[in-house]
Amino acid sequence: MKKTFILVFMVFTFSIFAFSEVKIGVINAQKVIQQTKKGKEITGRLEKIGKVKQQKVETLQEKIKKLEKELASPALNTQTREKKNMQLQTKRTELKRFIEDAQREMRQKSQTELSHLRQDIMPVIEKIGKDKGFTLILDLTTSGIAYFDKTIDVTNEVIAEYDKKYANK
């Protein structure tokens, strides 16, 4: 009796969904980040920080190469060789720590800035979804969609609406 009731309930529920109209849209969040004015500003800031960090890495790598060349010299006495070897190990450790810290800092800055951008974009997506009568809008970058009809892509509309909204601020 209980199983029959559950089965009837499930059939009834699925039939409601089958007869209701579902309109699905898609958005490419990565494209929105890359093409909105604010997204471009964020990307530019992050790239500048990344370039500064990369220059520091290159400087440290040059110092390491210089120490390695000095260590290869047969003219070094044992005491100087040990001192240079310690300096080399210190520089390698410094480089490793710097890279780890830089990666962590970049990841945190990126997450912080992009989460603010996503929060600002969500009302725009919701407005377009309501205005166009979408039941659901999926993010192409996270949903694993292999194919979709291009007519349901609202990415460019979101970019235009967001830039219009952002320009007013």
N, C-alpha and C. Protein backbone atom coordinates (compact mmCIF):
# COMPACT_ATOMS: atom_id res chain seq x y z
N MET A 1 0.82 -1.18 0.00
CA MET A 1 0.00 0.00 0.00
C MET A 1 0.87 1.26 0.00
N LYS A 2 1.88 1.25 0.88
CA LYS A 2 2.77 2.39 0.98
C LYS A 2 3.56 2.58 -0.32
N LYS A 3 4.03 1.49 -0.90
CA LYS A 3 4.78 1.55 -2.15
C LYS A 3 3.91 2.05 -3.29
N THR A 4 2.67 1.64 -3.31
CA THR A 4 1.74 2.08 -4.35
C THR A 4 1.51 3.58 -4.23
N PHE A 5 1.34 4.07 -3.03
CA PHE A 5 1.13 5.50 -2.80
C PHE A 5 2.35 6.30 -3.28
N ILE A 6 3.55 5.85 -2.95
CA ILE A 6 4.77 6.53 -3.35
C ILE A 6 4.89 6.53 -4.87
N LEU A 7 4.58 5.41 -5.49
CA LEU A 7 4.65 5.30 -6.95
C LEU A 7 3.66 6.25 -7.62
N VAL A 8 2.44 6.31 -7.13
CA VAL A 8 1.42 7.21 -7.68
C VAL A 8 1.86 8.66 -7.50
N PHE A 9 2.41 8.98 -6.32
CA PHE A 9 2.88 10.33 -6.05
C PHE A 9 4.00 10.73 -7.01
N MET A 10 4.96 9.83 -7.24
CA MET A 10 6.07 10.11 -8.14
C MET A 10 5.59 10.31 -9.56
N VAL A 11 4.68 9.47 -10.03
CA VAL A 11 4.14 9.60 -11.39
C VAL A 11 3.42 10.94 -11.53
N PHE A 12 2.64 11.32 -10.54
CA PHE A 12 1.92 12.58 -10.56
C PHE A 12 2.89 13.76 -10.60
N THR A 13 3.94 13.71 -9.77
CA THR A 13 4.93 14.79 -9.71
C THR A 13 5.66 14.93 -11.02
N PHE A 14 6.11 13.82 -11.60
CA PHE A 14 6.83 13.88 -12.86
C PHE A 14 5.93 14.36 -14.00
N SER A 15 4.66 14.02 -13.95
CA SER A 15 3.77 14.47 -15.02
C SER A 15 3.56 15.98 -14.96
N ILE A 16 3.58 16.55 -13.78
CA ILE A 16 3.47 18.02 -13.66
C ILE A 16 4.66 18.68 -14.33
N PHE A 17 5.86 18.18 -14.05
CA PHE A 17 7.07 18.74 -14.65
C PHE A 17 7.10 18.52 -16.16
N ALA A 18 6.59 17.42 -16.61
CA ALA A 18 6.62 17.10 -18.04
C ALA A 18 5.74 18.06 -18.84
N PHE A 19 4.63 18.51 -18.26
CA PHE A 19 3.71 19.37 -18.99
C PHE A 19 3.99 20.86 -18.77
N SER A 20 4.83 21.19 -17.83
CA SER A 20 5.16 22.60 -17.63
C SER A 20 6.29 22.99 -18.58
N GLU A 21 6.28 24.24 -19.01
CA GLU A 21 7.30 24.72 -19.94
C GLU A 21 8.55 25.11 -19.17
N VAL A 22 9.67 24.56 -19.57
CA VAL A 22 10.95 24.87 -18.96
C VAL A 22 11.80 25.57 -20.00
N LYS A 23 12.24 26.75 -19.69
CA LYS A 23 13.08 27.51 -20.61
C LYS A 23 14.45 27.67 -19.95
N ILE A 24 15.47 27.18 -20.65
CA ILE A 24 16.82 27.16 -20.10
C ILE A 24 17.71 28.09 -20.90
N GLY A 25 18.54 28.84 -20.19
CA GLY A 25 19.53 29.71 -20.81
C GLY A 25 20.92 29.31 -20.36
N VAL A 26 21.91 29.79 -21.06
CA VAL A 26 23.28 29.52 -20.67
C VAL A 26 24.07 30.83 -20.66
N ILE A 27 25.14 30.83 -19.86
CA ILE A 27 26.02 31.98 -19.78
C ILE A 27 27.45 31.47 -19.65
N ASN A 28 28.36 32.16 -20.27
CA ASN A 28 29.77 31.83 -20.16
C ASN A 28 30.38 32.84 -19.19
N ALA A 29 30.50 32.44 -17.93
CA ALA A 29 30.98 33.34 -16.88
C ALA A 29 32.40 33.82 -17.15
N GLN A 30 33.22 32.96 -17.71
CA GLN A 30 34.60 33.34 -18.00
C GLN A 30 34.64 34.47 -19.04
N LYS A 31 33.77 34.38 -20.04
CA LYS A 31 33.70 35.43 -21.06
C LYS A 31 33.20 36.74 -20.45
N VAL A 32 32.26 36.64 -19.52
CA VAL A 32 31.76 37.84 -18.85
C VAL A 32 32.91 38.52 -18.10
N ILE A 33 33.70 37.73 -17.39
CA ILE A 33 34.83 38.29 -16.63
C ILE A 33 35.84 38.93 -17.58
N GLN A 34 36.10 38.29 -18.69
CA GLN A 34 37.11 38.78 -19.63
C GLN A 34 36.64 39.99 -20.43
N GLN A 35 35.33 40.14 -20.63
CA GLN A 35 34.87 41.19 -21.55
C GLN A 35 34.14 42.35 -20.90
N THR A 36 33.77 42.25 -19.63
CA THR A 36 33.17 43.42 -18.99
C THR A 36 34.27 44.41 -18.65
N LYS A 37 33.90 45.67 -18.56
CA LYS A 37 34.90 46.71 -18.24
C LYS A 37 35.55 46.44 -16.89
N LYS A 38 34.73 46.13 -15.90
CA LYS A 38 35.28 45.88 -14.56
C LYS A 38 36.13 44.60 -14.57
N GLY A 39 35.71 43.59 -15.29
CA GLY A 39 36.48 42.36 -15.39
C GLY A 39 37.85 42.62 -16.02
N LYS A 40 37.87 43.47 -17.03
CA LYS A 40 39.13 43.82 -17.67
C LYS A 40 40.03 44.59 -16.70
N GLU A 41 39.43 45.47 -15.89
CA GLU A 41 40.21 46.22 -14.89
C GLU A 41 40.83 45.27 -13.88
N ILE A 42 40.03 44.33 -13.41
CA ILE A 42 40.53 43.36 -12.43
C ILE A 42 41.65 42.53 -13.04
N THR A 43 41.44 42.04 -14.25
CA THR A 43 42.46 41.24 -14.93
C THR A 43 43.74 42.04 -15.11
N GLY A 44 43.61 43.31 -15.48
CA GLY A 44 44.78 44.18 -15.65
C GLY A 44 45.55 44.36 -14.35
N ARG A 45 44.83 44.61 -13.26
CA ARG A 45 45.48 44.77 -11.95
C ARG A 45 46.21 43.50 -11.55
N LEU A 46 45.56 42.37 -11.74
CA LEU A 46 46.18 41.08 -11.38
C LEU A 46 47.40 40.79 -12.24
N GLU A 47 47.33 41.14 -13.52
CA GLU A 47 48.48 40.93 -14.40
C GLU A 47 49.66 41.80 -13.99
N LYS A 48 49.41 43.05 -13.58
CA LYS A 48 50.48 43.94 -13.13
C LYS A 48 51.17 43.35 -11.89
N ILE A 49 50.36 42.91 -10.95
CA ILE A 49 50.92 42.30 -9.74
C ILE A 49 51.73 41.06 -10.11
N GLY A 50 51.19 40.26 -11.02
CA GLY A 50 51.88 39.05 -11.46
C GLY A 50 53.21 39.36 -12.13
N LYS A 51 53.27 40.43 -12.91
CA LYS A 51 54.52 40.81 -13.58
C LYS A 51 55.57 41.23 -12.56
N VAL A 52 55.16 41.98 -11.55
CA VAL A 52 56.09 42.39 -10.50
C VAL A 52 56.65 41.16 -9.78
N LYS A 53 55.77 40.23 -9.47
CA LYS A 53 56.19 38.99 -8.80
C LYS A 53 57.13 38.20 -9.71
N GLN A 54 56.83 38.14 -11.00
CA GLN A 54 57.66 37.40 -11.94
C GLN A 54 59.05 38.01 -12.04
N GLN A 55 59.13 39.34 -12.03
CA GLN A 55 60.43 40.01 -12.07
C GLN A 55 61.27 39.66 -10.85
N LYS A 56 60.62 39.61 -9.70
CA LYS A 56 61.33 39.23 -8.47
C LYS A 56 61.84 37.79 -8.57
N VAL A 57 61.02 36.90 -9.11
CA VAL A 57 61.43 35.50 -9.30
C VAL A 57 62.65 35.44 -10.22
N GLU A 58 62.60 36.17 -11.31
CA GLU A 58 63.72 36.17 -12.26
C GLU A 58 64.99 36.71 -11.63
N THR A 59 64.88 37.74 -10.80
CA THR A 59 66.03 38.29 -10.11
C THR A 59 66.64 37.25 -9.17
N LEU A 60 65.79 36.57 -8.42
CA LEU A 60 66.28 35.53 -7.52
C LEU A 60 66.92 34.38 -8.30
N GLN A 61 66.34 34.01 -9.42
CA GLN A 61 66.91 32.94 -10.24
C GLN A 61 68.29 33.33 -10.79
N GLU A 62 68.44 34.59 -11.16
CA GLU A 62 69.74 35.07 -11.65
C GLU A 62 70.79 34.99 -10.54
N LYS A 63 70.41 35.37 -9.33
CA LYS A 63 71.34 35.29 -8.20
C LYS A 63 71.75 33.84 -7.93
N ILE A 64 70.79 32.94 -8.06
CA ILE A 64 71.08 31.51 -7.87
C ILE A 64 72.05 31.02 -8.94
N LYS A 65 71.81 31.38 -10.19
CA LYS A 65 72.71 30.97 -11.28
C LYS A 65 74.12 31.51 -11.06
N LYS A 66 74.20 32.75 -10.61
CA LYS A 66 75.50 33.36 -10.35
C LYS A 66 76.24 32.59 -9.26
N LEU A 67 75.54 32.25 -8.19
CA LEU A 67 76.16 31.47 -7.10
C LEU A 67 76.58 30.09 -7.58
N GLU A 68 75.76 29.46 -8.43
CA GLU A 68 76.10 28.14 -8.96
C GLU A 68 77.38 28.21 -9.81
N LYS A 69 77.49 29.28 -10.60
CA LYS A 69 78.71 29.45 -11.41
C LYS A 69 79.93 29.65 -10.52
N GLU A 70 79.75 30.46 -9.49
CA GLU A 70 80.86 30.71 -8.56
C GLU A 70 81.29 29.41 -7.87
N LEU A 71 80.31 28.59 -7.52
CA LEU A 71 80.62 27.31 -6.86
C LEU A 71 81.35 26.34 -7.79
N ALA A 72 81.14 26.48 -9.08
CA ALA A 72 81.78 25.59 -10.04
C ALA A 72 83.25 25.92 -10.23
N SER A 73 83.68 27.05 -9.74
CA SER A 73 85.08 27.46 -9.90
C SER A 73 85.99 26.58 -9.05
N PRO A 74 87.04 26.02 -9.67
CA PRO A 74 87.98 25.18 -8.91
C PRO A 74 88.92 26.02 -8.03
N ALA A 75 88.93 27.32 -8.21
CA ALA A 75 89.83 28.18 -7.45
C ALA A 75 89.36 28.46 -6.02
N LEU A 76 88.13 28.08 -5.70
CA LEU A 76 87.58 28.35 -4.36
C LEU A 76 88.21 27.44 -3.31
N ASN A 77 88.53 28.04 -2.17
CA ASN A 77 88.99 27.21 -1.06
C ASN A 77 87.78 26.62 -0.34
N THR A 78 87.99 25.70 0.54
CA THR A 78 86.91 24.96 1.20
C THR A 78 85.99 25.88 1.99
N GLN A 79 86.58 26.81 2.72
CA GLN A 79 85.78 27.72 3.54
C GLN A 79 84.87 28.59 2.67
N THR A 80 85.40 29.14 1.60
CA THR A 80 84.61 29.98 0.69
C THR A 80 83.55 29.15 -0.01
N ARG A 81 83.92 27.92 -0.40
CA ARG A 81 82.96 27.02 -1.05
C ARG A 81 81.78 26.73 -0.13
N GLU A 82 82.05 26.46 1.15
CA GLU A 82 80.97 26.19 2.11
C GLU A 82 80.08 27.41 2.31
N LYS A 83 80.72 28.59 2.37
CA LYS A 83 79.96 29.84 2.53
C LYS A 83 79.05 30.06 1.32
N LYS A 84 79.59 29.88 0.11
CA LYS A 84 78.80 30.06 -1.11
C LYS A 84 77.69 29.01 -1.20
N ASN A 85 77.99 27.81 -0.77
CA ASN A 85 76.98 26.74 -0.78
C ASN A 85 75.82 27.09 0.16
N MET A 86 76.14 27.63 1.33
CA MET A 86 75.09 28.06 2.27
C MET A 86 74.25 29.20 1.67
N GLN A 87 74.95 30.14 1.02
CA GLN A 87 74.23 31.24 0.36
C GLN A 87 73.30 30.71 -0.72
N LEU A 88 73.77 29.73 -1.47
CA LEU A 88 72.97 29.12 -2.53
C LEU A 88 71.73 28.45 -1.96
N GLN A 89 71.91 27.68 -0.91
CA GLN A 89 70.77 27.01 -0.28
C GLN A 89 69.76 28.03 0.26
N THR A 90 70.28 29.11 0.84
CA THR A 90 69.41 30.17 1.37
C THR A 90 68.62 30.82 0.24
N LYS A 91 69.29 31.10 -0.88
CA LYS A 91 68.60 31.71 -2.03
C LYS A 91 67.55 30.77 -2.62
N ARG A 92 67.86 29.50 -2.70
CA ARG A 92 66.88 28.53 -3.22
C ARG A 92 65.65 28.46 -2.32
N THR A 93 65.90 28.46 -1.01
CA THR A 93 64.78 28.45 -0.05
C THR A 93 63.97 29.74 -0.17
N GLU A 94 64.68 30.85 -0.29
CA GLU A 94 64.01 32.14 -0.44
C GLU A 94 63.14 32.16 -1.70
N LEU A 95 63.68 31.63 -2.80
CA LEU A 95 62.92 31.57 -4.05
C LEU A 95 61.68 30.70 -3.90
N LYS A 96 61.85 29.53 -3.31
CA LYS A 96 60.72 28.61 -3.13
C LYS A 96 59.62 29.26 -2.28
N ARG A 97 60.02 29.88 -1.18
CA ARG A 97 59.03 30.54 -0.30
C ARG A 97 58.35 31.71 -1.00
N PHE A 98 59.15 32.48 -1.74
CA PHE A 98 58.58 33.62 -2.45
C PHE A 98 57.53 33.16 -3.47
N ILE A 99 57.85 32.12 -4.22
CA ILE A 99 56.91 31.60 -5.21
C ILE A 99 55.63 31.12 -4.54
N GLU A 100 55.77 30.36 -3.45
CA GLU A 100 54.59 29.87 -2.73
C GLU A 100 53.75 31.03 -2.20
N ASP A 101 54.41 32.03 -1.60
CA ASP A 101 53.68 33.19 -1.06
C ASP A 101 53.02 33.99 -2.19
N ALA A 102 53.72 34.15 -3.30
CA ALA A 102 53.17 34.91 -4.43
C ALA A 102 51.95 34.19 -5.01
N GLN A 103 52.04 32.89 -5.15
CA GLN A 103 50.91 32.12 -5.68
C GLN A 103 49.70 32.24 -4.74
N ARG A 104 49.95 32.11 -3.45
CA ARG A 104 48.86 32.22 -2.48
C ARG A 104 48.24 33.61 -2.52
N GLU A 105 49.09 34.65 -2.56
CA GLU A 105 48.60 36.02 -2.61
C GLU A 105 47.78 36.27 -3.88
N MET A 106 48.28 35.81 -5.02
CA MET A 106 47.57 35.99 -6.28
C MET A 106 46.22 35.26 -6.27
N ARG A 107 46.23 34.05 -5.73
CA ARG A 107 44.99 33.28 -5.65
C ARG A 107 43.96 33.99 -4.77
N GLN A 108 44.41 34.51 -3.63
CA GLN A 108 43.51 35.21 -2.72
C GLN A 108 42.97 36.50 -3.34
N LYS A 109 43.86 37.28 -3.95
CA LYS A 109 43.41 38.53 -4.59
C LYS A 109 42.42 38.23 -5.72
N SER A 110 42.74 37.22 -6.50
CA SER A 110 41.87 36.84 -7.61
C SER A 110 40.49 36.41 -7.09
N GLN A 111 40.49 35.56 -6.09
CA GLN A 111 39.22 35.09 -5.53
C GLN A 111 38.41 36.23 -4.95
N THR A 112 39.07 37.13 -4.23
CA THR A 112 38.37 38.26 -3.61
C THR A 112 37.76 39.17 -4.66
N GLU A 113 38.59 39.57 -5.62
CA GLU A 113 38.10 40.51 -6.65
C GLU A 113 37.02 39.88 -7.52
N LEU A 114 37.22 38.64 -7.90
CA LEU A 114 36.25 37.99 -8.78
C LEU A 114 34.95 37.66 -8.04
N SER A 115 35.03 37.38 -6.75
CA SER A 115 33.80 37.11 -6.01
C SER A 115 32.95 38.38 -5.92
N HIS A 116 33.59 39.55 -5.77
CA HIS A 116 32.85 40.82 -5.77
C HIS A 116 32.20 41.05 -7.13
N LEU A 117 32.95 40.74 -8.19
CA LEU A 117 32.40 40.90 -9.54
C LEU A 117 31.20 39.96 -9.74
N ARG A 118 31.33 38.72 -9.31
CA ARG A 118 30.22 37.77 -9.44
C ARG A 118 28.98 38.24 -8.67
N GLN A 119 29.21 38.79 -7.48
CA GLN A 119 28.08 39.30 -6.68
C GLN A 119 27.38 40.44 -7.41
N ASP A 120 28.15 41.28 -8.07
CA ASP A 120 27.57 42.39 -8.83
C ASP A 120 26.85 41.91 -10.08
N ILE A 121 27.33 40.81 -10.67
CA ILE A 121 26.76 40.31 -11.92
C ILE A 121 25.46 39.53 -11.68
N MET A 122 25.35 38.87 -10.54
CA MET A 122 24.17 38.02 -10.28
C MET A 122 22.83 38.75 -10.45
N PRO A 123 22.66 39.97 -9.93
CA PRO A 123 21.37 40.66 -10.16
C PRO A 123 21.10 40.91 -11.65
N VAL A 124 22.14 41.14 -12.42
CA VAL A 124 21.97 41.35 -13.86
C VAL A 124 21.49 40.06 -14.52
N ILE A 125 22.10 38.93 -14.14
CA ILE A 125 21.68 37.63 -14.69
C ILE A 125 20.24 37.33 -14.30
N GLU A 126 19.90 37.60 -13.03
CA GLU A 126 18.53 37.35 -12.56
C GLU A 126 17.52 38.21 -13.32
N LYS A 127 17.87 39.48 -13.55
CA LYS A 127 16.97 40.38 -14.27
C LYS A 127 16.74 39.88 -15.70
N ILE A 128 17.81 39.51 -16.38
CA ILE A 128 17.68 39.00 -17.75
C ILE A 128 16.89 37.70 -17.74
N GLY A 129 17.14 36.86 -16.77
CA GLY A 129 16.40 35.60 -16.65
C GLY A 129 14.91 35.83 -16.48
N LYS A 130 14.55 36.76 -15.62
CA LYS A 130 13.13 37.07 -15.39
C LYS A 130 12.51 37.73 -16.62
N ASP A 131 13.23 38.70 -17.19
CA ASP A 131 12.70 39.42 -18.36
C ASP A 131 12.47 38.49 -19.55
N LYS A 132 13.31 37.51 -19.74
CA LYS A 132 13.20 36.59 -20.88
C LYS A 132 12.43 35.32 -20.53
N GLY A 133 12.01 35.19 -19.29
CA GLY A 133 11.19 34.05 -18.90
C GLY A 133 11.95 32.74 -18.76
N PHE A 134 13.23 32.82 -18.40
CA PHE A 134 14.01 31.59 -18.21
C PHE A 134 13.67 30.95 -16.88
N THR A 135 13.58 29.63 -16.89
CA THR A 135 13.38 28.87 -15.67
C THR A 135 14.73 28.64 -14.99
N LEU A 136 15.77 28.54 -15.83
CA LEU A 136 17.09 28.17 -15.35
C LEU A 136 18.14 28.74 -16.29
N ILE A 137 19.22 29.30 -15.72
CA ILE A 137 20.36 29.74 -16.52
C ILE A 137 21.58 29.02 -15.97
N LEU A 138 22.24 28.26 -16.86
CA LEU A 138 23.40 27.46 -16.46
C LEU A 138 24.70 28.17 -16.86
N ASP A 139 25.73 27.99 -16.04
CA ASP A 139 27.05 28.53 -16.34
C ASP A 139 27.83 27.49 -17.15
N LEU A 140 28.21 27.85 -18.36
CA LEU A 140 28.93 26.92 -19.24
C LEU A 140 30.27 26.47 -18.66
N THR A 141 30.92 27.34 -17.90
CA THR A 141 32.25 27.01 -17.39
C THR A 141 32.22 25.97 -16.28
N THR A 142 31.08 25.77 -15.64
CA THR A 142 31.01 24.81 -14.54
C THR A 142 30.03 23.67 -14.75
N SER A 143 29.17 23.77 -15.75
CA SER A 143 28.09 22.78 -15.88
C SER A 143 28.44 21.56 -16.71
N GLY A 144 29.48 21.62 -17.49
CA GLY A 144 29.86 20.48 -18.31
C GLY A 144 28.96 20.27 -19.51
N ILE A 145 28.35 21.33 -20.00
CA ILE A 145 27.47 21.23 -21.16
C ILE A 145 28.32 21.02 -22.41
N ALA A 146 27.99 20.00 -23.17
CA ALA A 146 28.74 19.69 -24.39
C ALA A 146 28.15 20.39 -25.61
N TYR A 147 26.84 20.60 -25.63
CA TYR A 147 26.19 21.25 -26.76
C TYR A 147 25.01 22.07 -26.26
N PHE A 148 24.78 23.20 -26.92
CA PHE A 148 23.58 24.00 -26.67
C PHE A 148 23.30 24.84 -27.90
N ASP A 149 22.06 25.21 -28.06
CA ASP A 149 21.65 26.08 -29.16
C ASP A 149 22.08 27.50 -28.81
N LYS A 150 22.79 28.14 -29.68
CA LYS A 150 23.36 29.48 -29.42
C LYS A 150 22.29 30.52 -29.10
N THR A 151 21.05 30.25 -29.44
CA THR A 151 20.00 31.23 -29.19
C THR A 151 19.66 31.36 -27.71
N ILE A 152 20.09 30.40 -26.89
CA ILE A 152 19.79 30.49 -25.46
C ILE A 152 20.96 31.08 -24.67
N ASP A 153 22.03 31.48 -25.37
CA ASP A 153 23.20 32.07 -24.71
C ASP A 153 22.92 33.54 -24.41
N VAL A 154 22.97 33.92 -23.15
CA VAL A 154 22.69 35.30 -22.73
C VAL A 154 23.96 36.04 -22.30
N THR A 155 25.11 35.47 -22.60
CA THR A 155 26.39 36.05 -22.16
C THR A 155 26.55 37.49 -22.62
N ASN A 156 26.37 37.75 -23.90
CA ASN A 156 26.58 39.10 -24.42
C ASN A 156 25.60 40.11 -23.83
N GLU A 157 24.38 39.67 -23.57
CA GLU A 157 23.39 40.56 -22.94
C GLU A 157 23.83 40.91 -21.52
N VAL A 158 24.34 39.92 -20.79
CA VAL A 158 24.81 40.16 -19.43
C VAL A 158 25.98 41.14 -19.44
N ILE A 159 26.90 40.96 -20.38
CA ILE A 159 28.05 41.87 -20.48
C ILE A 159 27.57 43.30 -20.74
N ALA A 160 26.67 43.46 -21.71
CA ALA A 160 26.16 44.80 -22.05
C ALA A 160 25.41 45.43 -20.89
N GLU A 161 24.53 44.67 -20.25
CA GLU A 161 23.76 45.19 -19.12
C GLU A 161 24.67 45.55 -17.94
N TYR A 162 25.63 44.68 -17.66
CA TYR A 162 26.52 44.94 -16.54
C TYR A 162 27.37 46.17 -16.79
N ASP A 163 27.92 46.29 -18.01
CA ASP A 163 28.73 47.46 -18.33
C ASP A 163 27.91 48.73 -18.24
N LYS A 164 26.65 48.66 -18.65
CA LYS A 164 25.77 49.82 -18.54
C LYS A 164 25.58 50.19 -17.07
N LYS A 165 25.35 49.18 -16.25
CA LYS A 165 25.16 49.39 -14.81
C LYS A 165 26.45 49.89 -14.17
N TYR A 166 27.58 49.29 -14.52
CA TYR A 166 28.86 49.65 -13.94
C TYR A 166 29.29 51.05 -14.36
N ALA A 167 28.97 51.45 -15.60
CA ALA A 167 29.34 52.78 -16.09
C ALA A 167 28.64 53.88 -15.29
N ASN A 168 27.45 53.56 -14.76
CA ASN A 168 26.71 54.54 -13.99
C ASN A 168 27.28 54.76 -12.60
N LYS A 169 28.10 53.80 -12.12
CA LYS A 169 28.65 53.92 -10.77
C LYS A 169 29.83 54.85 -10.73
